[in-house]
Amino acid sequence: MSGQSPTPSWRDKMRPVELLVMAAVFGVFVGAFVFMGTREWGLALIMAAVAFIASLVILATLLIAVGPKIGGDERVDPVDPAAPSGSAGSVHRDPRTDPHGH
């Protein structure tokens, strides 16, 4: 226990840049699409900014939903934290053999 966290890899460091680039590409695409339809730069820039921000929020939300990958042994049953990993949990247990006596 040295107290130092492992240094992130180059791929982990570049992940935020990848998200910004994907959101920027989507914003440019929407801006170009709106400009070709309306021929107004102001509206195209506004729509590009809205698309950039919306795609950035959606991508960040999806990353939070996916979360980090947890190994099979580290999984915790929300119904019964004392249940062994990979089991069905306390919902499918026989109440007569419950070790907690509930």
N, C-alpha and C. Protein backbone atom coordinates (compact mmCIF):
# COMPACT_ATOMS: atom_id res chain seq x y z
N MET A 1 0.83 -1.18 0.00
CA MET A 1 0.00 0.00 0.00
C MET A 1 0.88 1.24 0.00
N SER A 2 1.30 1.62 -1.16
CA SER A 2 2.14 2.81 -1.27
C SER A 2 1.32 4.08 -1.32
N GLY A 3 0.01 3.96 -1.55
CA GLY A 3 -0.85 5.14 -1.58
C GLY A 3 -0.88 5.82 -2.93
N GLN A 4 -0.12 5.30 -3.89
CA GLN A 4 -0.11 5.89 -5.22
C GLN A 4 -1.07 5.12 -6.11
N SER A 5 -1.85 5.86 -6.87
CA SER A 5 -2.75 5.21 -7.82
C SER A 5 -1.96 4.90 -9.09
N PRO A 6 -2.34 3.85 -9.80
CA PRO A 6 -1.63 3.53 -11.04
C PRO A 6 -1.81 4.64 -12.07
N THR A 7 -0.78 4.86 -12.85
CA THR A 7 -0.87 5.91 -13.86
C THR A 7 -1.79 5.46 -14.99
N PRO A 8 -2.67 6.33 -15.45
CA PRO A 8 -3.60 5.94 -16.52
C PRO A 8 -2.85 5.74 -17.84
N SER A 9 -3.37 4.86 -18.65
CA SER A 9 -2.75 4.60 -19.95
C SER A 9 -3.03 5.76 -20.90
N TRP A 10 -2.35 5.74 -22.05
CA TRP A 10 -2.54 6.79 -23.03
C TRP A 10 -3.98 6.80 -23.53
N ARG A 11 -4.56 5.60 -23.68
CA ARG A 11 -5.95 5.50 -24.15
C ARG A 11 -6.91 6.11 -23.13
N ASP A 12 -6.67 5.87 -21.84
CA ASP A 12 -7.52 6.46 -20.80
C ASP A 12 -7.40 7.98 -20.76
N LYS A 13 -6.22 8.48 -21.04
CA LYS A 13 -6.02 9.93 -21.05
C LYS A 13 -6.72 10.59 -22.24
N MET A 14 -6.80 9.88 -23.36
CA MET A 14 -7.37 10.45 -24.57
C MET A 14 -8.88 10.26 -24.67
N ARG A 15 -9.50 9.54 -23.77
CA ARG A 15 -10.94 9.29 -23.85
C ARG A 15 -11.76 10.58 -23.84
N PRO A 16 -11.48 11.55 -22.97
CA PRO A 16 -12.26 12.80 -23.03
C PRO A 16 -12.10 13.53 -24.36
N VAL A 17 -10.91 13.48 -24.94
CA VAL A 17 -10.69 14.13 -26.23
C VAL A 17 -11.51 13.43 -27.30
N GLU A 18 -11.60 12.09 -27.23
CA GLU A 18 -12.41 11.36 -28.20
C GLU A 18 -13.88 11.78 -28.11
N LEU A 19 -14.37 11.95 -26.91
CA LEU A 19 -15.77 12.37 -26.74
C LEU A 19 -16.00 13.77 -27.29
N LEU A 20 -15.07 14.67 -27.03
CA LEU A 20 -15.19 16.04 -27.56
C LEU A 20 -15.14 16.05 -29.08
N VAL A 21 -14.28 15.22 -29.66
CA VAL A 21 -14.18 15.17 -31.12
C VAL A 21 -15.46 14.61 -31.72
N MET A 22 -16.01 13.54 -31.12
CA MET A 22 -17.26 12.98 -31.64
C MET A 22 -18.40 13.99 -31.55
N ALA A 23 -18.48 14.72 -30.44
CA ALA A 23 -19.52 15.73 -30.30
C ALA A 23 -19.30 16.87 -31.28
N ALA A 24 -18.05 17.25 -31.51
CA ALA A 24 -17.76 18.32 -32.47
C ALA A 24 -18.11 17.91 -33.89
N VAL A 25 -17.82 16.67 -34.25
CA VAL A 25 -18.16 16.18 -35.59
C VAL A 25 -19.68 16.20 -35.78
N PHE A 26 -20.40 15.77 -34.76
CA PHE A 26 -21.86 15.80 -34.86
C PHE A 26 -22.36 17.24 -34.97
N GLY A 27 -21.77 18.17 -34.20
CA GLY A 27 -22.16 19.57 -34.27
C GLY A 27 -21.89 20.18 -35.64
N VAL A 28 -20.74 19.86 -36.23
CA VAL A 28 -20.40 20.38 -37.56
C VAL A 28 -21.36 19.81 -38.60
N PHE A 29 -21.68 18.52 -38.47
CA PHE A 29 -22.62 17.90 -39.40
C PHE A 29 -23.99 18.59 -39.34
N VAL A 30 -24.50 18.80 -38.14
CA VAL A 30 -25.80 19.46 -38.00
C VAL A 30 -25.73 20.90 -38.49
N GLY A 31 -24.64 21.60 -38.17
CA GLY A 31 -24.49 22.97 -38.65
C GLY A 31 -24.46 23.06 -40.16
N ALA A 32 -23.74 22.14 -40.81
CA ALA A 32 -23.69 22.14 -42.28
C ALA A 32 -25.05 21.79 -42.87
N PHE A 33 -25.74 20.84 -42.25
CA PHE A 33 -27.06 20.45 -42.72
C PHE A 33 -28.05 21.62 -42.64
N VAL A 34 -28.02 22.33 -41.51
CA VAL A 34 -28.93 23.47 -41.34
C VAL A 34 -28.55 24.60 -42.29
N PHE A 35 -27.24 24.83 -42.48
CA PHE A 35 -26.81 25.90 -43.38
C PHE A 35 -27.23 25.61 -44.83
N MET A 36 -27.11 24.35 -45.23
CA MET A 36 -27.53 24.01 -46.60
C MET A 36 -29.04 24.17 -46.80
N GLY A 37 -29.78 24.00 -45.75
CA GLY A 37 -31.23 24.13 -45.87
C GLY A 37 -31.72 25.55 -45.76
N THR A 38 -31.02 26.40 -44.97
CA THR A 38 -31.53 27.75 -44.73
C THR A 38 -30.66 28.85 -45.31
N ARG A 39 -29.40 28.59 -45.54
CA ARG A 39 -28.42 29.60 -45.99
C ARG A 39 -28.28 30.75 -45.01
N GLU A 40 -28.49 30.49 -43.74
CA GLU A 40 -28.30 31.50 -42.69
C GLU A 40 -27.21 31.02 -41.75
N TRP A 41 -26.11 31.81 -41.68
CA TRP A 41 -24.97 31.41 -40.83
C TRP A 41 -25.33 31.44 -39.35
N GLY A 42 -26.10 32.42 -38.93
CA GLY A 42 -26.45 32.54 -37.52
C GLY A 42 -27.22 31.34 -37.01
N LEU A 43 -28.23 30.94 -37.76
CA LEU A 43 -29.04 29.79 -37.37
C LEU A 43 -28.21 28.50 -37.42
N ALA A 44 -27.35 28.39 -38.42
CA ALA A 44 -26.50 27.20 -38.54
C ALA A 44 -25.54 27.09 -37.36
N LEU A 45 -24.96 28.21 -36.93
CA LEU A 45 -24.05 28.18 -35.79
C LEU A 45 -24.79 27.86 -34.48
N ILE A 46 -25.98 28.40 -34.33
CA ILE A 46 -26.77 28.11 -33.13
C ILE A 46 -27.13 26.63 -33.08
N MET A 47 -27.57 26.08 -34.19
CA MET A 47 -27.94 24.66 -34.23
C MET A 47 -26.72 23.76 -34.03
N ALA A 48 -25.58 24.18 -34.58
CA ALA A 48 -24.35 23.41 -34.38
C ALA A 48 -23.97 23.39 -32.90
N ALA A 49 -24.10 24.53 -32.24
CA ALA A 49 -23.77 24.60 -30.81
C ALA A 49 -24.75 23.76 -29.99
N VAL A 50 -26.01 23.81 -30.34
CA VAL A 50 -27.01 23.01 -29.62
C VAL A 50 -26.73 21.52 -29.83
N ALA A 51 -26.41 21.13 -31.05
CA ALA A 51 -26.12 19.73 -31.34
C ALA A 51 -24.86 19.28 -30.61
N PHE A 52 -23.83 20.14 -30.55
CA PHE A 52 -22.60 19.81 -29.84
C PHE A 52 -22.88 19.56 -28.36
N ILE A 53 -23.59 20.47 -27.74
CA ILE A 53 -23.88 20.34 -26.30
C ILE A 53 -24.77 19.14 -26.02
N ALA A 54 -25.80 18.95 -26.85
CA ALA A 54 -26.71 17.82 -26.64
C ALA A 54 -25.98 16.49 -26.82
N SER A 55 -25.15 16.38 -27.84
CA SER A 55 -24.43 15.12 -28.04
C SER A 55 -23.41 14.89 -26.95
N LEU A 56 -22.80 15.94 -26.44
CA LEU A 56 -21.84 15.79 -25.34
C LEU A 56 -22.54 15.30 -24.08
N VAL A 57 -23.71 15.84 -23.79
CA VAL A 57 -24.47 15.40 -22.62
C VAL A 57 -24.93 13.95 -22.78
N ILE A 58 -25.39 13.60 -23.98
CA ILE A 58 -25.86 12.23 -24.21
C ILE A 58 -24.70 11.24 -24.11
N LEU A 59 -23.56 11.55 -24.69
CA LEU A 59 -22.41 10.66 -24.60
C LEU A 59 -21.93 10.49 -23.16
N ALA A 60 -21.90 11.59 -22.42
CA ALA A 60 -21.47 11.50 -21.02
C ALA A 60 -22.45 10.68 -20.19
N THR A 61 -23.74 10.84 -20.46
CA THR A 61 -24.74 10.06 -19.73
C THR A 61 -24.62 8.58 -20.05
N LEU A 62 -24.38 8.26 -21.31
CA LEU A 62 -24.21 6.85 -21.67
C LEU A 62 -22.96 6.26 -21.03
N LEU A 63 -21.89 7.03 -20.94
CA LEU A 63 -20.68 6.53 -20.28
C LEU A 63 -20.91 6.29 -18.80
N ILE A 64 -21.69 7.15 -18.16
CA ILE A 64 -22.00 6.95 -16.75
C ILE A 64 -22.86 5.70 -16.58
N ALA A 65 -23.80 5.50 -17.50
CA ALA A 65 -24.68 4.34 -17.40
C ALA A 65 -23.92 3.04 -17.57
N VAL A 66 -22.95 3.02 -18.46
CA VAL A 66 -22.17 1.81 -18.68
C VAL A 66 -21.28 1.55 -17.48
N GLY A 67 -20.61 2.56 -16.99
CA GLY A 67 -19.77 2.44 -15.81
C GLY A 67 -18.54 1.58 -16.05
N PRO A 68 -17.69 1.48 -15.07
CA PRO A 68 -16.49 0.65 -15.22
C PRO A 68 -16.84 -0.83 -15.19
N LYS A 69 -16.03 -1.61 -15.83
CA LYS A 69 -16.26 -3.05 -15.86
C LYS A 69 -15.82 -3.64 -14.52
N ILE A 70 -16.72 -4.39 -13.89
CA ILE A 70 -16.45 -5.00 -12.60
C ILE A 70 -16.30 -6.49 -12.81
N GLY A 71 -15.30 -7.06 -12.19
CA GLY A 71 -15.09 -8.50 -12.30
C GLY A 71 -16.21 -9.27 -11.65
N GLY A 72 -16.33 -10.57 -11.97
CA GLY A 72 -17.40 -11.41 -11.46
C GLY A 72 -17.36 -11.56 -9.95
N ASP A 73 -16.17 -11.52 -9.34
CA ASP A 73 -16.07 -11.72 -7.90
C ASP A 73 -16.42 -10.47 -7.11
N GLU A 74 -16.42 -9.32 -7.76
CA GLU A 74 -16.66 -8.07 -7.05
C GLU A 74 -18.12 -7.64 -7.10
N ARG A 75 -18.97 -8.41 -7.76
CA ARG A 75 -20.37 -8.04 -7.91
C ARG A 75 -21.10 -8.25 -6.59
N VAL A 76 -22.00 -7.34 -6.25
CA VAL A 76 -22.75 -7.40 -5.00
C VAL A 76 -24.23 -7.50 -5.34
N ASP A 77 -24.91 -8.42 -4.70
CA ASP A 77 -26.34 -8.58 -4.89
C ASP A 77 -27.06 -7.47 -4.13
N PRO A 78 -27.87 -6.62 -4.81
CA PRO A 78 -28.53 -5.53 -4.09
C PRO A 78 -29.60 -6.01 -3.12
N VAL A 79 -30.15 -7.22 -3.34
CA VAL A 79 -31.18 -7.73 -2.44
C VAL A 79 -30.55 -8.27 -1.16
N ASP A 80 -29.47 -9.02 -1.31
CA ASP A 80 -28.80 -9.63 -0.16
C ASP A 80 -27.29 -9.51 -0.36
N PRO A 81 -26.64 -8.51 0.23
CA PRO A 81 -25.20 -8.34 0.02
C PRO A 81 -24.38 -9.54 0.50
N ALA A 82 -24.93 -10.37 1.40
CA ALA A 82 -24.19 -11.52 1.89
C ALA A 82 -24.28 -12.72 0.95
N ALA A 83 -25.08 -12.61 -0.12
CA ALA A 83 -25.24 -13.72 -1.06
C ALA A 83 -23.94 -13.93 -1.82
N PRO A 84 -23.61 -15.19 -2.12
CA PRO A 84 -22.39 -15.43 -2.90
C PRO A 84 -22.53 -14.88 -4.30
N SER A 85 -21.42 -14.48 -4.86
CA SER A 85 -21.43 -13.88 -6.19
C SER A 85 -21.88 -14.90 -7.22
N GLY A 86 -22.74 -14.47 -8.14
CA GLY A 86 -23.23 -15.34 -9.18
C GLY A 86 -24.48 -16.11 -8.80
N SER A 87 -24.94 -15.96 -7.56
CA SER A 87 -26.15 -16.67 -7.16
C SER A 87 -27.37 -15.84 -7.54
N ALA A 88 -28.53 -16.41 -7.38
CA ALA A 88 -29.76 -15.71 -7.74
C ALA A 88 -30.17 -14.70 -6.69
N GLY A 89 -29.54 -14.71 -5.55
CA GLY A 89 -29.88 -13.76 -4.49
C GLY A 89 -30.94 -14.30 -3.56
N SER A 90 -31.33 -13.50 -2.62
CA SER A 90 -32.25 -13.96 -1.59
C SER A 90 -33.68 -14.09 -2.09
N VAL A 91 -33.99 -13.57 -3.27
CA VAL A 91 -35.35 -13.65 -3.79
C VAL A 91 -35.74 -15.09 -4.06
N HIS A 92 -34.79 -15.89 -4.54
CA HIS A 92 -35.09 -17.26 -4.92
C HIS A 92 -34.65 -18.29 -3.88
N ARG A 93 -34.29 -17.85 -2.72
CA ARG A 93 -33.86 -18.79 -1.69
C ARG A 93 -35.05 -19.35 -0.92
N ASP A 94 -34.85 -20.53 -0.40
CA ASP A 94 -35.87 -21.16 0.42
C ASP A 94 -35.82 -20.48 1.80
N PRO A 95 -36.90 -19.88 2.28
CA PRO A 95 -36.87 -19.17 3.57
C PRO A 95 -36.57 -20.10 4.73
N ARG A 96 -36.81 -21.39 4.60
CA ARG A 96 -36.54 -22.32 5.69
C ARG A 96 -35.04 -22.54 5.87
N THR A 97 -34.24 -22.32 4.81
CA THR A 97 -32.80 -22.54 4.90
C THR A 97 -32.03 -21.22 4.94
N ASP A 98 -32.72 -20.12 5.16
CA ASP A 98 -32.06 -18.81 5.19
C ASP A 98 -31.15 -18.73 6.41
N PRO A 99 -29.86 -18.47 6.22
CA PRO A 99 -28.94 -18.43 7.36
C PRO A 99 -29.18 -17.23 8.27
N HIS A 100 -29.88 -16.20 7.79
CA HIS A 100 -30.12 -15.01 8.61
C HIS A 100 -31.33 -15.16 9.50
N GLY A 101 -32.17 -16.15 9.24
CA GLY A 101 -33.33 -16.38 10.08
C GLY A 101 -34.48 -15.44 9.83
N HIS A 102 -34.56 -14.87 8.63
CA HIS A 102 -35.65 -13.95 8.32
C HIS A 102 -36.86 -14.67 7.87
